[in-house]
Amino acid sequence: MSVLSECPAFRGSAANPMSREERLVKVRDCFRRALSDADTERVIAMLENLEELADVAELMDVLGQTAPAR
């Protein structure tokens, strides 16, 4: 028998937002499948300072590369 329940304030929702550190853990976990640790940190830094990024092509170059062999 299946019991359905509702979670109106799941972690990450507007009613129950994640902390910056929780978001970074999630981003790093997702990015590690496609980027090196160094490139992940570069992307995070660029995104956190997007208004100061001189050329978005720099960000796209990192994001568009072939995933490293793991």
Protein backbone atom coordinates (compact mmCIF):
# COMPACT_ATOMS: atom_id res chain seq x y z
CA MET A 1 0.00 0.00 0.00
CA SER A 2 1.34 3.42 -0.92
CA VAL A 3 0.84 6.43 1.28
CA LEU A 4 0.92 9.79 -0.47
CA SER A 5 2.00 12.78 1.51
CA GLU A 6 2.66 16.37 0.71
CA CYS A 7 5.72 18.35 1.63
CA PRO A 8 4.79 22.03 1.28
CA ALA A 9 8.17 23.34 2.46
CA PHE A 10 10.80 20.97 1.05
CA ARG A 11 14.46 21.92 1.46
CA GLY A 12 15.35 24.41 -1.23
CA SER A 13 11.85 25.79 -1.65
CA ALA A 14 11.06 29.46 -1.11
CA ALA A 15 9.49 28.55 2.23
CA ASN A 16 12.58 26.56 3.30
CA PRO A 17 15.59 27.88 1.36
CA MET A 18 19.00 26.26 1.39
CA SER A 19 21.94 28.10 2.87
CA ARG A 20 24.73 29.31 0.59
CA GLU A 21 26.92 26.44 1.80
CA GLU A 22 24.19 23.86 1.05
CA ARG A 23 23.80 25.28 -2.45
CA LEU A 24 27.56 25.14 -3.03
CA VAL A 25 27.71 21.51 -1.89
CA LYS A 26 24.97 20.69 -4.40
CA VAL A 27 26.62 22.65 -7.22
CA ARG A 28 30.00 21.04 -6.58
CA ASP A 29 28.41 17.59 -6.54
CA CYS A 30 26.69 18.22 -9.88
CA PHE A 31 29.68 19.89 -11.55
CA ARG A 32 32.17 17.19 -10.51
CA ARG A 33 30.68 14.94 -13.19
CA ALA A 34 31.74 17.36 -15.91
CA LEU A 35 34.44 19.70 -14.55
CA SER A 36 37.67 19.42 -12.64
CA ASP A 37 37.66 20.77 -9.08
CA ALA A 38 39.69 23.79 -10.22
CA ASP A 39 37.28 24.58 -13.06
CA THR A 40 34.30 24.14 -10.72
CA GLU A 41 35.77 26.75 -8.37
CA ARG A 42 36.47 29.07 -11.34
CA VAL A 43 32.85 28.77 -12.50
CA ILE A 44 31.50 29.42 -8.99
CA ALA A 45 33.71 32.50 -8.69
CA MET A 46 32.62 33.79 -12.09
CA LEU A 47 28.93 33.22 -11.35
CA GLU A 48 29.17 34.90 -7.95
CA ASN A 49 30.70 37.95 -9.65
CA LEU A 50 28.83 37.82 -12.94
CA GLU A 51 28.34 41.59 -13.11
CA GLU A 52 32.12 42.07 -13.12
CA LEU A 53 32.82 39.37 -15.72
CA ALA A 54 34.35 41.18 -18.69
CA ASP A 55 33.34 38.57 -21.26
CA VAL A 56 30.79 35.78 -20.75
CA ALA A 57 32.77 33.75 -23.30
CA GLU A 58 35.27 32.99 -20.53
CA LEU A 59 32.50 31.30 -18.52
CA MET A 60 31.14 29.52 -21.58
CA ASP A 61 34.61 28.20 -22.46
CA VAL A 62 34.85 26.47 -19.08
CA LEU A 63 31.27 25.17 -19.17
CA GLY A 64 31.52 23.97 -22.77
CA GLN A 65 34.60 21.81 -22.42
CA THR A 66 34.62 18.02 -22.67
CA ALA A 67 34.19 16.31 -19.31
CA PRO A 68 37.42 14.92 -17.84
CA ALA A 69 37.83 11.16 -17.61
CA ARG A 70 37.08 9.96 -14.08
